[in-house]
């Protein structure tokens, strides 16, 4: 084996700067959730739909109402209270503090 030739300090520094990973690693752009444009107040058509369609559903929760009527969660909870006071829906189980689960009222 031939003896290695000693590099000068400048050559070593130049080689160290040239090597390496090259470009800096970029962070992945996380998956962004699509923004919902839900209503924050009931209009006439939404209210009619609420009184007509929702009492016929087997499962009635704030998330179901929010998804079907395109209203926000607080309006959906309010709608459940209104429908319950009118007597068109019935609670499935004992009152739960977080998730309100109702069903249609069977006559």
Protein backbone atom coordinates (compact mmCIF):
# COMPACT_ATOMS: atom_id res chain seq x y z
CA UNK A 1 0.00 0.00 0.00
CA UNK A 2 1.29 3.42 -0.92
CA UNK A 3 1.59 5.96 1.86
CA UNK A 4 -1.21 8.57 1.96
CA UNK A 5 -0.32 12.07 0.93
CA UNK A 6 -0.94 14.56 3.73
CA UNK A 7 -3.46 17.27 2.81
CA UNK A 8 -2.96 20.86 3.74
CA UNK A 9 -5.26 22.56 6.26
CA UNK A 10 -6.95 24.55 3.48
CA UNK A 11 -7.63 21.39 1.46
CA UNK A 12 -9.09 19.65 4.52
CA UNK A 13 -11.35 22.63 5.30
CA UNK A 14 -12.50 22.80 1.68
CA UNK A 15 -13.29 19.05 1.64
CA UNK A 16 -15.27 19.35 4.91
CA UNK A 17 -17.33 22.23 3.53
CA UNK A 18 -18.01 20.44 0.25
CA UNK A 19 -19.16 17.18 1.85
CA UNK A 20 -22.12 16.66 4.11
CA UNK A 21 -25.81 16.26 3.46
CA UNK A 22 -26.10 19.00 0.89
CA UNK A 23 -29.50 20.64 1.25
CA UNK A 24 -31.14 21.05 4.64
CA UNK A 25 -34.05 18.72 5.39
CA UNK A 26 -37.46 20.35 5.05
CA UNK A 27 -40.33 19.55 7.42
CA UNK A 28 -43.33 17.80 5.92
CA UNK A 29 -46.39 19.96 5.41
CA UNK A 30 -48.91 18.31 7.76
CA UNK A 31 -52.31 17.28 6.48
CA UNK A 32 -54.70 20.20 6.90
CA UNK A 33 -58.32 19.57 7.76
CA UNK A 34 -60.87 21.10 5.44
CA UNK A 35 -62.56 24.09 7.06
CA UNK A 36 -66.32 23.71 7.47
CA UNK A 37 -68.49 26.69 6.71
CA UNK A 38 -71.38 25.92 9.06
CA UNK A 39 -74.19 28.34 9.82
CA UNK A 40 -74.26 30.08 13.20
CA UNK A 41 -77.95 31.06 13.08
CA UNK A 42 -81.09 29.25 11.98
CA UNK A 43 -82.73 30.59 8.84
CA UNK A 44 -86.25 29.70 7.71
CA UNK A 45 -85.24 26.81 5.39
CA UNK A 46 -82.93 25.23 7.99
CA UNK A 47 -85.59 25.47 10.68
CA UNK A 48 -88.18 23.83 8.40
CA UNK A 49 -85.71 21.06 7.60
CA UNK A 50 -85.03 20.60 11.33
CA UNK A 51 -88.70 20.17 12.19
CA UNK A 52 -89.41 17.95 9.18
CA UNK A 53 -86.39 15.62 8.76
CA UNK A 54 -84.62 15.28 12.11
CA UNK A 55 -87.55 13.78 14.11
CA UNK A 56 -87.70 10.94 11.52
CA UNK A 57 -84.06 9.92 12.05
CA UNK A 58 -83.29 6.83 14.15
CA UNK A 59 -80.21 8.36 15.80
CA UNK A 60 -80.22 12.02 16.77
CA UNK A 61 -77.04 13.55 18.21
CA UNK A 62 -75.54 17.04 17.92
CA UNK A 63 -73.00 15.73 15.40
CA UNK A 64 -75.73 14.22 13.19
CA UNK A 65 -77.72 17.46 13.20
CA UNK A 66 -74.59 19.53 12.56
CA UNK A 67 -73.62 17.38 9.59
CA UNK A 68 -77.08 17.18 8.00
CA UNK A 69 -78.17 20.79 8.47
CA UNK A 70 -74.68 22.37 8.18
CA UNK A 71 -75.01 24.22 11.49
CA UNK A 72 -72.43 24.53 14.25
CA UNK A 73 -72.43 22.40 17.39
CA UNK A 74 -74.05 24.90 19.74
CA UNK A 75 -77.01 25.31 17.36
CA UNK A 76 -77.30 21.53 17.09
CA UNK A 77 -77.49 21.20 20.90
CA UNK A 78 -80.10 23.96 21.01
CA UNK A 79 -82.11 22.18 18.29
CA UNK A 80 -82.13 18.98 20.35
CA UNK A 81 -83.48 20.90 23.37
CA UNK A 82 -86.22 22.45 21.21
CA UNK A 83 -87.24 19.10 19.70
CA UNK A 84 -87.26 17.46 23.14
CA UNK A 85 -89.45 20.21 24.60
CA UNK A 86 -91.91 19.76 21.71
CA UNK A 87 -91.99 16.05 22.49
CA UNK A 88 -91.00 14.78 19.03
CA UNK A 89 -87.79 13.03 20.15
CA UNK A 90 -86.99 10.87 23.16
CA UNK A 91 -83.69 10.31 25.02
CA UNK A 92 -82.14 6.87 24.51
CA UNK A 93 -80.44 6.57 27.90
CA UNK A 94 -79.96 8.50 31.13
CA UNK A 95 -78.74 12.04 30.69
CA UNK A 96 -75.05 12.18 29.83
CA UNK A 97 -73.14 15.40 30.42
CA UNK A 98 -71.27 15.41 27.11
CA UNK A 99 -73.06 13.38 24.43
CA UNK A 100 -76.80 13.80 23.94
CA UNK A 101 -78.26 10.68 22.30
CA UNK A 102 -81.88 10.74 21.20
CA UNK A 103 -84.16 8.80 18.91
CA UNK A 104 -87.51 9.40 17.23
CA UNK A 105 -90.58 9.14 19.42
CA UNK A 106 -92.59 6.02 18.69
CA UNK A 107 -96.31 6.56 19.20
